[in-house]
Amino acid sequence: MNNLLEQYPPVLDVIHLQEILGIGRRQAYELVNSKEFHTVRVGRRIKILKIVLITWLEGNNAINPAGV
């Protein structure tokens, strides 16, 4: 999984989330709005730290992984 993610920047957009998880736009926005993991809004954009996504995918608590 990490090899796949190496091609992505450290801070992901929703479009990256769609590509990584193989989900549609609606599902991606539902996921980021679900509070399953920490996201940051910058204006109208939603940003996700790649490490937060990796931690969440591994089944760990991604709300605040290792003080991030």
N, C-alpha and C. Protein backbone atom coordinates (compact mmCIF):
# COMPACT_ATOMS: atom_id res chain seq x y z
N MET A 1 0.82 -1.20 0.00
CA MET A 1 0.00 0.00 0.00
C MET A 1 0.86 1.25 0.00
N ASN A 2 1.93 1.27 0.81
CA ASN A 2 2.77 2.46 0.89
C ASN A 2 3.44 2.78 -0.44
N ASN A 3 3.80 1.75 -1.23
CA ASN A 3 4.40 2.01 -2.54
C ASN A 3 3.43 2.75 -3.43
N LEU A 4 2.17 2.38 -3.37
CA LEU A 4 1.14 3.06 -4.15
C LEU A 4 1.03 4.51 -3.72
N LEU A 5 1.14 4.77 -2.44
CA LEU A 5 0.93 6.12 -1.91
C LEU A 5 2.14 7.03 -2.09
N GLU A 6 3.29 6.47 -2.41
CA GLU A 6 4.49 7.30 -2.58
C GLU A 6 4.35 8.32 -3.70
N GLN A 7 3.53 8.03 -4.68
CA GLN A 7 3.36 8.95 -5.81
C GLN A 7 2.50 10.17 -5.47
N TYR A 8 1.86 10.14 -4.30
CA TYR A 8 0.98 11.23 -3.89
C TYR A 8 1.71 12.20 -2.98
N PRO A 9 1.28 13.48 -2.97
CA PRO A 9 1.92 14.48 -2.10
C PRO A 9 1.59 14.22 -0.63
N PRO A 10 2.33 14.84 0.28
CA PRO A 10 2.09 14.64 1.72
C PRO A 10 0.72 15.12 2.19
N VAL A 11 0.16 16.09 1.47
CA VAL A 11 -1.17 16.60 1.80
C VAL A 11 -2.09 16.31 0.61
N LEU A 12 -3.13 15.53 0.86
CA LEU A 12 -4.00 15.04 -0.20
C LEU A 12 -5.26 15.89 -0.35
N ASP A 13 -5.79 15.90 -1.56
CA ASP A 13 -7.09 16.49 -1.86
C ASP A 13 -8.11 15.36 -1.94
N VAL A 14 -9.38 15.71 -2.04
CA VAL A 14 -10.44 14.71 -2.15
C VAL A 14 -10.26 13.87 -3.42
N ILE A 15 -9.78 14.47 -4.49
CA ILE A 15 -9.56 13.72 -5.74
C ILE A 15 -8.54 12.61 -5.52
N HIS A 16 -7.51 12.89 -4.71
CA HIS A 16 -6.52 11.85 -4.38
C HIS A 16 -7.17 10.72 -3.59
N LEU A 17 -8.02 11.10 -2.65
CA LEU A 17 -8.74 10.11 -1.84
C LEU A 17 -9.57 9.19 -2.74
N GLN A 18 -10.22 9.77 -3.72
CA GLN A 18 -11.01 8.99 -4.68
C GLN A 18 -10.13 7.98 -5.41
N GLU A 19 -8.99 8.43 -5.89
CA GLU A 19 -8.09 7.57 -6.64
C GLU A 19 -7.53 6.45 -5.77
N ILE A 20 -7.10 6.79 -4.57
CA ILE A 20 -6.47 5.81 -3.68
C ILE A 20 -7.46 4.74 -3.27
N LEU A 21 -8.68 5.16 -2.90
CA LEU A 21 -9.67 4.21 -2.40
C LEU A 21 -10.56 3.62 -3.48
N GLY A 22 -10.48 4.17 -4.69
CA GLY A 22 -11.31 3.67 -5.78
C GLY A 22 -12.79 3.92 -5.54
N ILE A 23 -13.10 5.12 -5.03
CA ILE A 23 -14.48 5.47 -4.75
C ILE A 23 -14.88 6.70 -5.56
N GLY A 24 -16.16 6.95 -5.61
CA GLY A 24 -16.67 8.10 -6.35
C GLY A 24 -16.59 9.38 -5.55
N ARG A 25 -16.91 10.47 -6.22
CA ARG A 25 -16.85 11.80 -5.60
C ARG A 25 -17.79 11.89 -4.40
N ARG A 26 -19.02 11.44 -4.54
CA ARG A 26 -20.00 11.52 -3.46
C ARG A 26 -19.52 10.74 -2.24
N GLN A 27 -19.03 9.52 -2.48
CA GLN A 27 -18.53 8.70 -1.37
C GLN A 27 -17.32 9.35 -0.69
N ALA A 28 -16.45 9.96 -1.47
CA ALA A 28 -15.27 10.61 -0.90
C ALA A 28 -15.68 11.77 0.01
N TYR A 29 -16.63 12.58 -0.44
CA TYR A 29 -17.09 13.70 0.39
C TYR A 29 -17.84 13.21 1.62
N GLU A 30 -18.60 12.13 1.48
CA GLU A 30 -19.27 11.56 2.65
C GLU A 30 -18.24 11.09 3.68
N LEU A 31 -17.16 10.48 3.19
CA LEU A 31 -16.11 9.98 4.08
C LEU A 31 -15.43 11.13 4.82
N VAL A 32 -15.03 12.17 4.11
CA VAL A 32 -14.32 13.27 4.77
C VAL A 32 -15.25 14.04 5.71
N ASN A 33 -16.53 14.03 5.44
CA ASN A 33 -17.48 14.71 6.32
C ASN A 33 -17.94 13.83 7.48
N SER A 34 -17.55 12.56 7.48
CA SER A 34 -17.98 11.62 8.51
C SER A 34 -17.18 11.75 9.80
N LYS A 35 -16.11 12.53 9.79
CA LYS A 35 -15.23 12.69 10.96
C LYS A 35 -14.50 11.40 11.31
N GLU A 36 -14.35 10.48 10.35
CA GLU A 36 -13.60 9.25 10.59
C GLU A 36 -12.12 9.54 10.79
N PHE A 37 -11.62 10.61 10.17
CA PHE A 37 -10.24 11.02 10.34
C PHE A 37 -10.16 12.54 10.20
N HIS A 38 -9.07 13.09 10.67
CA HIS A 38 -8.90 14.54 10.70
C HIS A 38 -8.72 15.10 9.29
N THR A 39 -9.48 16.14 8.98
CA THR A 39 -9.34 16.86 7.73
C THR A 39 -9.21 18.35 8.05
N VAL A 40 -8.70 19.11 7.09
CA VAL A 40 -8.57 20.55 7.25
C VAL A 40 -9.24 21.21 6.05
N ARG A 41 -10.03 22.21 6.32
CA ARG A 41 -10.64 22.98 5.25
C ARG A 41 -9.81 24.23 5.02
N VAL A 42 -9.47 24.44 3.75
CA VAL A 42 -8.74 25.63 3.34
C VAL A 42 -9.63 26.30 2.30
N GLY A 43 -10.38 27.28 2.75
CA GLY A 43 -11.39 27.85 1.86
C GLY A 43 -12.43 26.78 1.56
N ARG A 44 -12.62 26.48 0.29
CA ARG A 44 -13.56 25.45 -0.10
C ARG A 44 -12.90 24.09 -0.29
N ARG A 45 -11.59 24.06 -0.18
CA ARG A 45 -10.86 22.80 -0.36
C ARG A 45 -10.77 22.03 0.94
N ILE A 46 -10.75 20.71 0.82
CA ILE A 46 -10.58 19.84 1.96
C ILE A 46 -9.25 19.13 1.80
N LYS A 47 -8.41 19.21 2.82
CA LYS A 47 -7.08 18.61 2.79
C LYS A 47 -6.98 17.50 3.83
N ILE A 48 -6.26 16.44 3.47
CA ILE A 48 -6.05 15.30 4.35
C ILE A 48 -4.56 14.99 4.35
N LEU A 49 -3.96 14.91 5.54
CA LEU A 49 -2.56 14.49 5.60
C LEU A 49 -2.46 13.03 5.18
N LYS A 50 -1.50 12.73 4.33
CA LYS A 50 -1.33 11.36 3.85
C LYS A 50 -1.10 10.40 5.01
N ILE A 51 -0.33 10.81 6.01
CA ILE A 51 -0.07 9.93 7.15
C ILE A 51 -1.35 9.63 7.92
N VAL A 52 -2.27 10.59 7.97
CA VAL A 52 -3.56 10.37 8.64
C VAL A 52 -4.36 9.32 7.88
N LEU A 53 -4.37 9.40 6.56
CA LEU A 53 -5.08 8.41 5.75
C LEU A 53 -4.46 7.02 5.92
N ILE A 54 -3.14 6.95 5.89
CA ILE A 54 -2.45 5.65 6.06
C ILE A 54 -2.79 5.05 7.41
N THR A 55 -2.73 5.87 8.45
CA THR A 55 -3.04 5.39 9.80
C THR A 55 -4.47 4.88 9.87
N TRP A 56 -5.40 5.61 9.27
CA TRP A 56 -6.81 5.20 9.24
C TRP A 56 -6.98 3.88 8.49
N LEU A 57 -6.31 3.74 7.36
CA LEU A 57 -6.40 2.51 6.57
C LEU A 57 -5.84 1.31 7.33
N GLU A 58 -4.85 1.56 8.17
CA GLU A 58 -4.26 0.48 8.97
C GLU A 58 -5.12 0.12 10.17
N GLY A 59 -6.21 0.86 10.38
CA GLY A 59 -7.13 0.55 11.46
C GLY A 59 -6.80 1.20 12.77
N ASN A 60 -5.89 2.15 12.75
CA ASN A 60 -5.53 2.85 13.97
C ASN A 60 -6.35 4.11 14.10
N ASN A 61 -6.30 4.74 15.27
CA ASN A 61 -7.04 5.96 15.50
C ASN A 61 -6.40 7.10 14.71
N ALA A 62 -7.04 7.53 13.65
CA ALA A 62 -6.47 8.56 12.80
C ALA A 62 -6.97 9.96 13.15
N ILE A 63 -7.77 10.08 14.19
CA ILE A 63 -8.23 11.41 14.57
C ILE A 63 -7.05 12.26 15.00
N ASN A 64 -6.13 11.70 15.75
CA ASN A 64 -4.94 12.42 16.20
C ASN A 64 -3.77 11.45 16.32
N PRO A 65 -3.28 10.92 15.19
CA PRO A 65 -2.22 9.92 15.25
C PRO A 65 -0.89 10.51 15.70
N ALA A 66 -0.35 9.97 16.76
CA ALA A 66 1.00 10.32 17.24
C ALA A 66 1.19 11.82 17.37
N GLY A 67 0.17 12.52 17.79
CA GLY A 67 0.29 13.95 18.02
C GLY A 67 0.26 14.80 16.78
N VAL A 68 -0.14 14.25 15.64
CA VAL A 68 -0.21 15.03 14.39
C VAL A 68 -1.36 15.99 14.49
